[in-house]
Amino acid sequence: MKFMGHKPLIAEHIRTCGGNPKPREEARRFAYEQDPTWTTTCMDRMYEVLQLKFAAYPGLETELLDTGETDIVLESSDPFWGCGSDGSGQNQLGDLLMRLRQELLAGLSAQIDQTGTS
């Protein structure tokens, strides 16, 4: 997806280059060619996926709300989605989960305000 629409030949090359780990290696090799809006697009899509997942599984909503105001950190070596192997990662997935938690809390507050009950 990093290259589709923007660099279709690279996208096709990555799609057809073989099994793991080759596609990931090729995507990294061509990272300088990725769509400049990729990070924003990726984050928007991940947030949509999280919204759909949590709506489909109400038990997950409860678990997320039960975390209160605790920081959510993905303990992963992935430096973008998680905290990275040295703790200096961006923790984007944790941030998106905390954003979703705030959205769910706001929805509950609005529901309580309208009905007087939860």
N, C-alpha and C. Protein backbone atom coordinates (compact mmCIF):
# COMPACT_ATOMS: atom_id res chain seq x y z
N MET A 1 0.81 -1.20 0.00
CA MET A 1 0.00 0.00 0.00
C MET A 1 0.85 1.26 0.00
N LYS A 2 2.07 1.17 0.47
CA LYS A 2 2.94 2.34 0.51
C LYS A 2 3.23 2.89 -0.87
N PHE A 3 3.10 2.04 -1.88
CA PHE A 3 3.50 2.42 -3.23
C PHE A 3 2.35 2.40 -4.23
N MET A 4 1.23 1.78 -3.89
CA MET A 4 0.11 1.67 -4.82
C MET A 4 -0.41 3.06 -5.18
N GLY A 5 -0.67 3.27 -6.44
CA GLY A 5 -1.15 4.56 -6.90
C GLY A 5 -0.02 5.53 -7.14
N HIS A 6 0.95 5.54 -6.26
CA HIS A 6 2.07 6.47 -6.33
C HIS A 6 3.20 5.90 -7.19
N LYS A 7 3.55 4.65 -6.96
CA LYS A 7 4.62 3.96 -7.70
C LYS A 7 4.15 2.53 -7.99
N PRO A 8 3.23 2.35 -8.94
CA PRO A 8 2.64 1.03 -9.17
C PRO A 8 3.64 -0.05 -9.59
N LEU A 9 4.69 0.31 -10.29
CA LEU A 9 5.68 -0.71 -10.69
C LEU A 9 6.42 -1.27 -9.48
N ILE A 10 6.74 -0.40 -8.54
CA ILE A 10 7.39 -0.87 -7.31
C ILE A 10 6.41 -1.73 -6.51
N ALA A 11 5.15 -1.30 -6.44
CA ALA A 11 4.14 -2.07 -5.72
C ALA A 11 4.02 -3.48 -6.31
N GLU A 12 3.99 -3.56 -7.62
CA GLU A 12 3.88 -4.87 -8.28
C GLU A 12 5.14 -5.71 -8.03
N HIS A 13 6.29 -5.09 -8.08
CA HIS A 13 7.54 -5.80 -7.80
C HIS A 13 7.50 -6.41 -6.40
N ILE A 14 7.09 -5.63 -5.43
CA ILE A 14 7.03 -6.12 -4.05
C ILE A 14 6.01 -7.24 -3.92
N ARG A 15 4.87 -7.07 -4.59
CA ARG A 15 3.81 -8.09 -4.52
C ARG A 15 4.27 -9.43 -5.08
N THR A 16 5.13 -9.40 -6.08
CA THR A 16 5.51 -10.63 -6.77
C THR A 16 6.92 -11.12 -6.46
N CYS A 17 7.59 -10.53 -5.50
CA CYS A 17 9.01 -10.85 -5.28
C CYS A 17 9.25 -12.13 -4.48
N GLY A 18 8.23 -12.76 -3.98
CA GLY A 18 8.42 -14.00 -3.25
C GLY A 18 7.86 -13.93 -1.84
N GLY A 19 8.11 -15.00 -1.09
CA GLY A 19 7.59 -15.09 0.27
C GLY A 19 8.45 -14.37 1.28
N ASN A 20 7.98 -14.42 2.53
CA ASN A 20 8.70 -13.75 3.62
C ASN A 20 10.14 -14.22 3.69
N PRO A 21 11.05 -13.36 4.01
CA PRO A 21 10.94 -11.94 4.36
C PRO A 21 11.17 -11.00 3.17
N LYS A 22 11.18 -11.51 1.97
CA LYS A 22 11.55 -10.72 0.80
C LYS A 22 10.68 -9.47 0.59
N PRO A 23 9.35 -9.53 0.68
CA PRO A 23 8.57 -8.30 0.46
C PRO A 23 8.93 -7.18 1.44
N ARG A 24 9.13 -7.54 2.69
CA ARG A 24 9.50 -6.52 3.68
C ARG A 24 10.86 -5.91 3.33
N GLU A 25 11.79 -6.75 2.95
CA GLU A 25 13.12 -6.25 2.58
C GLU A 25 13.03 -5.31 1.38
N GLU A 26 12.24 -5.69 0.40
CA GLU A 26 12.10 -4.85 -0.80
C GLU A 26 11.38 -3.53 -0.47
N ALA A 27 10.39 -3.58 0.38
CA ALA A 27 9.70 -2.34 0.78
C ALA A 27 10.68 -1.40 1.48
N ARG A 28 11.54 -1.95 2.32
CA ARG A 28 12.54 -1.12 2.99
C ARG A 28 13.54 -0.55 1.98
N ARG A 29 13.91 -1.37 1.01
CA ARG A 29 14.87 -0.93 0.00
C ARG A 29 14.33 0.27 -0.80
N PHE A 30 13.03 0.29 -1.02
CA PHE A 30 12.42 1.37 -1.80
C PHE A 30 11.71 2.40 -0.92
N ALA A 31 11.99 2.42 0.36
CA ALA A 31 11.29 3.32 1.28
C ALA A 31 11.33 4.78 0.82
N TYR A 32 12.41 5.19 0.22
CA TYR A 32 12.53 6.58 -0.23
C TYR A 32 11.53 6.91 -1.34
N GLU A 33 10.91 5.88 -1.95
CA GLU A 33 9.95 6.07 -3.03
C GLU A 33 8.49 6.00 -2.55
N GLN A 34 8.29 5.75 -1.27
CA GLN A 34 6.91 5.57 -0.81
C GLN A 34 6.12 6.86 -0.92
N ASP A 35 4.82 6.71 -0.98
CA ASP A 35 3.90 7.84 -1.07
C ASP A 35 4.16 8.77 0.11
N PRO A 36 4.35 10.06 -0.13
CA PRO A 36 4.64 10.99 0.97
C PRO A 36 3.51 11.11 1.99
N THR A 37 2.31 10.71 1.61
CA THR A 37 1.18 10.76 2.56
C THR A 37 0.98 9.43 3.28
N TRP A 38 1.91 8.48 3.08
CA TRP A 38 1.74 7.13 3.61
C TRP A 38 1.53 7.10 5.12
N THR A 39 2.33 7.82 5.88
CA THR A 39 2.22 7.73 7.34
C THR A 39 0.84 8.16 7.80
N THR A 40 0.34 9.27 7.27
CA THR A 40 -1.00 9.73 7.65
C THR A 40 -2.05 8.72 7.21
N THR A 41 -1.95 8.25 5.99
CA THR A 41 -2.90 7.26 5.48
C THR A 41 -2.88 6.00 6.33
N CYS A 42 -1.71 5.53 6.65
CA CYS A 42 -1.54 4.32 7.45
C CYS A 42 -2.19 4.49 8.83
N MET A 43 -1.95 5.61 9.45
CA MET A 43 -2.51 5.87 10.78
C MET A 43 -4.04 5.95 10.72
N ASP A 44 -4.56 6.63 9.69
CA ASP A 44 -6.01 6.72 9.53
C ASP A 44 -6.63 5.34 9.35
N ARG A 45 -6.02 4.52 8.52
CA ARG A 45 -6.54 3.17 8.27
C ARG A 45 -6.48 2.31 9.54
N MET A 46 -5.38 2.39 10.26
CA MET A 46 -5.26 1.60 11.49
C MET A 46 -6.32 2.03 12.50
N TYR A 47 -6.58 3.33 12.60
CA TYR A 47 -7.60 3.79 13.53
C TYR A 47 -8.98 3.27 13.13
N GLU A 48 -9.28 3.29 11.83
CA GLU A 48 -10.55 2.74 11.35
C GLU A 48 -10.66 1.26 11.69
N VAL A 49 -9.59 0.52 11.50
CA VAL A 49 -9.58 -0.92 11.82
C VAL A 49 -9.84 -1.13 13.31
N LEU A 50 -9.20 -0.32 14.15
CA LEU A 50 -9.41 -0.45 15.60
C LEU A 50 -10.86 -0.14 15.96
N GLN A 51 -11.43 0.90 15.37
CA GLN A 51 -12.83 1.24 15.64
C GLN A 51 -13.75 0.07 15.27
N LEU A 52 -13.54 -0.50 14.11
CA LEU A 52 -14.36 -1.63 13.67
C LEU A 52 -14.17 -2.84 14.57
N LYS A 53 -12.94 -3.12 14.93
CA LYS A 53 -12.65 -4.28 15.78
C LYS A 53 -13.32 -4.13 17.15
N PHE A 54 -13.19 -2.97 17.75
CA PHE A 54 -13.76 -2.77 19.08
C PHE A 54 -15.28 -2.71 19.04
N ALA A 55 -15.86 -2.23 17.94
CA ALA A 55 -17.32 -2.23 17.79
C ALA A 55 -17.84 -3.65 17.62
N ALA A 56 -17.07 -4.49 16.94
CA ALA A 56 -17.49 -5.87 16.69
C ALA A 56 -17.37 -6.75 17.94
N TYR A 57 -16.47 -6.39 18.83
CA TYR A 57 -16.22 -7.18 20.04
C TYR A 57 -16.35 -6.30 21.28
N PRO A 58 -17.59 -6.14 21.78
CA PRO A 58 -17.82 -5.25 22.91
C PRO A 58 -16.98 -5.57 24.15
N GLY A 59 -16.59 -6.81 24.31
CA GLY A 59 -15.74 -7.17 25.44
C GLY A 59 -14.41 -6.44 25.39
N LEU A 60 -13.93 -6.19 24.18
CA LEU A 60 -12.68 -5.43 24.03
C LEU A 60 -12.86 -3.99 24.49
N GLU A 61 -14.03 -3.42 24.18
CA GLU A 61 -14.30 -2.05 24.64
C GLU A 61 -14.21 -1.98 26.16
N THR A 62 -14.82 -2.96 26.82
CA THR A 62 -14.80 -3.00 28.28
C THR A 62 -13.37 -3.09 28.79
N GLU A 63 -12.58 -3.97 28.19
CA GLU A 63 -11.19 -4.12 28.62
C GLU A 63 -10.40 -2.83 28.41
N LEU A 64 -10.64 -2.17 27.29
CA LEU A 64 -9.94 -0.92 27.02
C LEU A 64 -10.35 0.16 28.03
N LEU A 65 -11.63 0.26 28.30
CA LEU A 65 -12.10 1.26 29.26
C LEU A 65 -11.59 0.95 30.67
N ASP A 66 -11.43 -0.32 30.98
CA ASP A 66 -10.91 -0.71 32.30
C ASP A 66 -9.46 -0.29 32.52
N THR A 67 -8.76 0.11 31.47
CA THR A 67 -7.38 0.58 31.64
C THR A 67 -7.34 1.97 32.25
N GLY A 68 -8.50 2.62 32.37
CA GLY A 68 -8.55 3.95 32.99
C GLY A 68 -7.71 4.95 32.23
N GLU A 69 -6.85 5.66 32.94
CA GLU A 69 -6.00 6.67 32.32
C GLU A 69 -4.56 6.18 32.15
N THR A 70 -4.37 4.88 32.32
CA THR A 70 -3.04 4.29 32.19
C THR A 70 -2.51 4.45 30.77
N ASP A 71 -1.24 4.78 30.65
CA ASP A 71 -0.61 4.81 29.33
C ASP A 71 -0.60 3.40 28.76
N ILE A 72 -0.91 3.30 27.48
CA ILE A 72 -0.88 2.01 26.80
C ILE A 72 0.36 1.99 25.91
N VAL A 73 1.21 1.00 26.14
CA VAL A 73 2.47 0.89 25.39
C VAL A 73 2.55 -0.49 24.77
N LEU A 74 2.78 -0.53 23.46
CA LEU A 74 3.01 -1.79 22.79
C LEU A 74 4.47 -2.16 22.99
N GLU A 75 4.70 -3.20 23.77
CA GLU A 75 6.07 -3.66 24.00
C GLU A 75 6.48 -4.51 22.82
N SER A 76 7.09 -3.85 21.87
CA SER A 76 7.49 -4.48 20.62
C SER A 76 8.78 -3.83 20.14
N SER A 77 9.57 -4.59 19.42
CA SER A 77 10.80 -4.01 18.88
C SER A 77 10.50 -3.09 17.70
N ASP A 78 9.26 -3.09 17.23
CA ASP A 78 8.88 -2.22 16.11
C ASP A 78 8.98 -0.77 16.56
N PRO A 79 9.83 0.02 15.91
CA PRO A 79 10.04 1.40 16.36
C PRO A 79 8.91 2.35 15.99
N PHE A 80 8.00 1.93 15.10
CA PHE A 80 6.88 2.80 14.72
C PHE A 80 5.65 2.47 15.56
N TRP A 81 5.18 1.24 15.50
CA TRP A 81 3.97 0.85 16.21
C TRP A 81 4.21 0.64 17.70
N GLY A 82 5.40 0.21 18.07
CA GLY A 82 5.69 -0.09 19.46
C GLY A 82 6.71 0.84 20.08
N CYS A 83 7.24 0.39 21.22
CA CYS A 83 8.21 1.22 21.95
C CYS A 83 9.64 1.01 21.46
N GLY A 84 9.82 0.08 20.52
CA GLY A 84 11.16 -0.17 20.00
C GLY A 84 11.98 -1.00 20.96
N SER A 85 13.04 -1.57 20.45
CA SER A 85 13.86 -2.46 21.28
C SER A 85 14.56 -1.73 22.41
N ASP A 86 14.77 -0.42 22.25
CA ASP A 86 15.45 0.35 23.30
C ASP A 86 14.52 1.31 24.04
N GLY A 87 13.21 1.20 23.79
CA GLY A 87 12.25 2.06 24.47
C GLY A 87 12.07 3.44 23.86
N SER A 88 12.73 3.70 22.75
CA SER A 88 12.63 5.04 22.15
C SER A 88 11.68 5.07 20.95
N GLY A 89 10.88 4.00 20.78
CA GLY A 89 9.96 3.94 19.64
C GLY A 89 8.82 4.93 19.77
N GLN A 90 8.06 5.06 18.69
CA GLN A 90 6.97 6.04 18.63
C GLN A 90 5.68 5.58 19.32
N ASN A 91 5.51 4.27 19.51
CA ASN A 91 4.34 3.71 20.18
C ASN A 91 3.02 4.18 19.54
N GLN A 92 2.98 4.20 18.23
CA GLN A 92 1.79 4.70 17.53
C GLN A 92 0.54 3.87 17.83
N LEU A 93 0.68 2.55 17.95
CA LEU A 93 -0.50 1.73 18.25
C LEU A 93 -1.02 2.04 19.65
N GLY A 94 -0.14 2.19 20.60
CA GLY A 94 -0.57 2.57 21.95
C GLY A 94 -1.29 3.91 21.94
N ASP A 95 -0.76 4.86 21.18
CA ASP A 95 -1.40 6.18 21.09
C ASP A 95 -2.79 6.08 20.46
N LEU A 96 -2.92 5.26 19.42
CA LEU A 96 -4.23 5.09 18.78
C LEU A 96 -5.22 4.44 19.73
N LEU A 97 -4.77 3.47 20.51
CA LEU A 97 -5.66 2.83 21.49
C LEU A 97 -6.10 3.82 22.56
N MET A 98 -5.19 4.68 23.00
CA MET A 98 -5.57 5.69 23.99
C MET A 98 -6.54 6.71 23.39
N ARG A 99 -6.37 7.03 22.11
CA ARG A 99 -7.30 7.93 21.41
C ARG A 99 -8.68 7.28 21.33
N LEU A 100 -8.73 6.00 20.99
CA LEU A 100 -10.00 5.28 20.92
C LEU A 100 -10.65 5.22 22.30
N ARG A 101 -9.87 5.00 23.32
CA ARG A 101 -10.41 4.97 24.69
C ARG A 101 -11.08 6.30 25.02
N GLN A 102 -10.43 7.41 24.68
CA GLN A 102 -11.01 8.73 24.92
C GLN A 102 -12.31 8.91 24.15
N GLU A 103 -12.33 8.41 22.91
CA GLU A 103 -13.54 8.50 22.09
C GLU A 103 -14.67 7.70 22.71
N LEU A 104 -14.37 6.51 23.20
CA LEU A 104 -15.38 5.68 23.85
C LEU A 104 -15.90 6.34 25.12
N LEU A 105 -15.00 6.91 25.90
CA LEU A 105 -15.41 7.61 27.13
C LEU A 105 -16.29 8.81 26.82
N ALA A 106 -15.95 9.55 25.77
CA ALA A 106 -16.75 10.70 25.37
C ALA A 106 -18.15 10.25 24.95
N GLY A 107 -18.23 9.13 24.25
CA GLY A 107 -19.52 8.60 23.84
C GLY A 107 -20.36 8.17 25.03
N LEU A 108 -19.73 7.56 26.02
CA LEU A 108 -20.45 7.16 27.24
C LEU A 108 -20.93 8.38 28.01
N SER A 109 -20.09 9.40 28.09
CA SER A 109 -20.48 10.63 28.79
C SER A 109 -21.67 11.29 28.12
N ALA A 110 -21.65 11.33 26.79
CA ALA A 110 -22.76 11.93 26.05
C ALA A 110 -24.04 11.14 26.26
N GLN A 111 -23.92 9.81 26.28
CA GLN A 111 -25.08 8.95 26.49
C GLN A 111 -25.66 9.18 27.89
N ILE A 112 -24.80 9.29 28.88
CA ILE A 112 -25.26 9.54 30.25
C ILE A 112 -25.92 10.90 30.35
N ASP A 113 -25.34 11.91 29.71
CA ASP A 113 -25.92 13.26 29.73
C ASP A 113 -27.31 13.28 29.10
N GLN A 114 -27.52 12.51 28.04
CA GLN A 114 -28.80 12.50 27.34
C GLN A 114 -29.87 11.73 28.10
N THR A 115 -29.49 10.62 28.72
CA THR A 115 -30.49 9.76 29.35
C THR A 115 -30.50 9.84 30.87
N GLY A 116 -29.43 10.33 31.44
CA GLY A 116 -29.33 10.37 32.89
C GLY A 116 -28.87 9.05 33.47
N THR A 117 -28.70 8.04 32.61
CA THR A 117 -28.20 6.73 33.05
C THR A 117 -27.21 6.22 32.02
N SER A 118 -26.52 5.14 32.39
CA SER A 118 -25.57 4.55 31.43
C SER A 118 -26.20 3.44 30.65
